[in-house]
């Protein structure tokens, strides 16, 4: 009888621990290592005085590193045959129930098509929900007659 009771208590404790662990995962943000977020990024403005810019890019954000609220990612942008891959670093923080604030900045260019004008050091700010990352970006400094900004809308 004591064995049966001990077994029942062990099963109950394990069930409670498993349920508690699952509840904790519900609060975890969805920006996990190796997750991919696909969608569109728009741009407005000019680069070195050139106003004839692609208005939109097919975009994939891939999380390459994650530690606590810090993350690193690749931001892959493509328009026609041209593409660029930016390396980015950022932070994610809670923004209320089921939402997170995501802030990151492109730190360098990993790869770029020949003739593509890549512009790193751009800050991005957005809101992340379970399956959507939406936000804006803007080149902080106007240098070399360059002014850029836009929006992004990515889905997991």
Protein backbone atom coordinates (compact mmCIF):
# COMPACT_ATOMS: atom_id res chain seq x y z
CA UNK A 1 0.00 0.00 0.00
CA UNK A 2 2.84 2.38 0.88
CA UNK A 3 4.48 1.64 -2.49
CA UNK A 4 1.27 2.42 -4.39
CA UNK A 5 0.84 5.67 -2.45
CA UNK A 6 4.47 6.68 -3.07
CA UNK A 7 4.06 5.95 -6.78
CA UNK A 8 0.86 7.98 -6.95
CA UNK A 9 2.54 10.93 -5.18
CA UNK A 10 5.52 10.73 -7.55
CA UNK A 11 3.21 10.75 -10.59
CA UNK A 12 1.27 13.72 -9.16
CA UNK A 13 4.47 15.71 -8.49
CA UNK A 14 5.78 14.95 -11.99
CA UNK A 15 2.46 16.06 -13.51
CA UNK A 16 2.52 19.34 -11.61
CA UNK A 17 6.14 20.01 -12.60
CA UNK A 18 5.37 19.30 -16.25
CA UNK A 19 2.31 21.58 -16.20
CA UNK A 20 4.29 24.35 -14.51
CA UNK A 21 7.02 24.02 -17.12
CA UNK A 22 4.48 24.33 -19.92
CA UNK A 23 2.95 27.43 -18.36
CA UNK A 24 6.41 29.02 -18.25
CA UNK A 25 6.88 28.29 -21.95
CA UNK A 26 3.69 30.20 -22.79
CA UNK A 27 5.34 33.35 -21.43
CA UNK A 28 8.55 32.75 -23.42
CA UNK A 29 8.97 34.91 -26.50
CA UNK A 30 8.85 33.28 -29.94
CA UNK A 31 12.15 34.82 -31.16
CA UNK A 32 14.00 31.54 -30.70
CA UNK A 33 17.38 30.43 -32.00
CA UNK A 34 17.21 29.43 -35.68
CA UNK A 35 13.67 30.83 -36.07
CA UNK A 36 12.97 32.40 -39.45
CA UNK A 37 10.69 35.37 -40.02
CA UNK A 38 9.69 36.00 -43.64
CA UNK A 39 7.91 38.89 -45.29
CA UNK A 40 8.41 42.33 -46.77
CA UNK A 41 10.49 45.38 -45.95
CA UNK A 42 9.65 48.72 -47.56
CA UNK A 43 11.99 51.64 -48.10
CA UNK A 44 11.54 55.31 -48.87
CA UNK A 45 14.10 58.02 -49.46
CA UNK A 46 17.36 58.33 -51.36
CA UNK A 47 20.90 56.94 -51.27
CA UNK A 48 23.68 59.36 -52.20
CA UNK A 49 21.08 61.54 -53.91
CA UNK A 50 19.66 58.63 -55.95
CA UNK A 51 15.88 58.51 -55.53
CA UNK A 52 15.21 55.60 -57.89
CA UNK A 53 15.30 52.91 -55.20
CA UNK A 54 13.47 49.60 -54.92
CA UNK A 55 10.36 50.32 -52.84
CA UNK A 56 10.18 46.82 -51.35
CA UNK A 57 12.36 43.80 -50.53
CA UNK A 58 11.52 40.15 -49.88
CA UNK A 59 13.03 39.72 -46.43
CA UNK A 60 14.03 36.88 -44.12
CA UNK A 61 15.26 37.44 -40.56
CA UNK A 62 17.12 34.42 -39.12
CA UNK A 63 18.04 34.35 -35.42
CA UNK A 64 21.65 33.11 -35.22
CA UNK A 65 22.41 33.65 -31.51
CA UNK A 66 20.28 34.08 -28.41
CA UNK A 67 21.17 34.74 -24.77
CA UNK A 68 18.53 36.04 -22.36
CA UNK A 69 17.14 39.25 -23.90
CA UNK A 70 20.06 39.66 -26.36
CA UNK A 71 20.02 38.20 -29.85
CA UNK A 72 21.93 38.28 -33.12
CA UNK A 73 20.43 37.70 -36.53
CA UNK A 74 20.94 37.84 -40.26
CA UNK A 75 18.62 40.15 -42.15
CA UNK A 76 18.44 38.85 -45.73
CA UNK A 77 16.91 41.22 -48.27
CA UNK A 78 16.24 40.47 -51.93
CA UNK A 79 14.80 42.40 -54.85
CA UNK A 80 14.96 40.82 -58.31
CA UNK A 81 18.44 39.31 -58.72
CA UNK A 82 20.01 41.70 -56.18
CA UNK A 83 20.43 40.79 -52.54
CA UNK A 84 22.17 41.80 -49.34
CA UNK A 85 22.71 40.10 -45.98
CA UNK A 86 23.15 42.28 -42.90
CA UNK A 87 24.45 41.06 -39.54
CA UNK A 88 22.39 42.52 -36.70
CA UNK A 89 22.38 42.68 -32.90
CA UNK A 90 19.42 43.45 -30.70
CA UNK A 91 17.29 43.05 -27.59
CA UNK A 92 13.81 41.76 -26.90
CA UNK A 93 11.72 42.82 -23.90
CA UNK A 94 8.18 42.22 -22.73
CA UNK A 95 5.57 44.69 -23.96
CA UNK A 96 2.55 43.26 -22.17
CA UNK A 97 0.45 40.16 -22.60
CA UNK A 98 1.65 38.05 -25.55
CA UNK A 99 3.66 40.95 -27.06
CA UNK A 100 7.34 41.85 -27.06
CA UNK A 101 9.33 44.92 -28.05
CA UNK A 102 12.16 44.09 -30.45
CA UNK A 103 15.00 46.53 -31.12
CA UNK A 104 17.97 45.66 -33.31
CA UNK A 105 20.56 47.32 -35.52
CA UNK A 106 22.42 46.18 -38.61
CA UNK A 107 26.09 46.21 -37.60
CA UNK A 108 27.76 45.10 -40.84
CA UNK A 109 27.25 43.65 -44.30
CA UNK A 110 27.90 39.90 -44.55
CA UNK A 111 27.28 39.64 -48.31
CA UNK A 112 25.98 41.82 -51.11
CA UNK A 113 25.34 41.58 -54.85
CA UNK A 114 27.78 43.43 -57.09
CA UNK A 115 26.68 47.03 -57.50
CA UNK A 116 24.21 46.85 -54.60
CA UNK A 117 24.48 49.86 -52.29
CA UNK A 118 24.30 48.39 -48.79
CA UNK A 119 23.68 50.78 -45.90
CA UNK A 120 24.49 49.28 -42.45
CA UNK A 121 24.06 50.88 -39.01
CA UNK A 122 20.28 51.12 -39.35
CA UNK A 123 18.12 50.74 -36.22
CA UNK A 124 14.91 48.71 -36.38
CA UNK A 125 12.08 48.80 -33.82
CA UNK A 126 9.10 46.49 -33.78
CA UNK A 127 6.49 44.52 -31.92
CA UNK A 128 6.59 40.75 -31.84
CA UNK A 129 3.58 38.54 -31.23
CA UNK A 130 3.36 34.76 -31.52
CA UNK A 131 3.68 34.70 -35.32
CA UNK A 132 4.23 38.31 -36.44
CA UNK A 133 7.07 40.85 -36.21
CA UNK A 134 6.06 44.32 -37.43
CA UNK A 135 7.83 47.63 -37.13
CA UNK A 136 9.76 50.49 -38.64
CA UNK A 137 13.34 51.42 -39.43
CA UNK A 138 15.14 54.67 -40.13
CA UNK A 139 18.69 55.65 -40.98
CA UNK A 140 19.73 57.67 -37.94
CA UNK A 141 22.15 60.03 -39.69
CA UNK A 142 21.78 61.88 -42.96
CA UNK A 143 25.21 61.46 -44.52
CA UNK A 144 26.28 61.62 -48.15
CA UNK A 145 22.84 62.91 -49.17
CA UNK A 146 21.24 59.70 -47.90
CA UNK A 147 17.84 59.57 -46.20
CA UNK A 148 16.13 56.23 -45.69
CA UNK A 149 13.23 54.82 -43.71
CA UNK A 150 10.56 52.18 -44.05
CA UNK A 151 8.45 49.44 -42.50
CA UNK A 152 8.73 45.69 -42.11
CA UNK A 153 6.15 42.97 -41.69
CA UNK A 154 7.48 39.46 -41.07
CA UNK A 155 5.77 36.19 -40.14
CA UNK A 156 7.10 33.01 -38.55
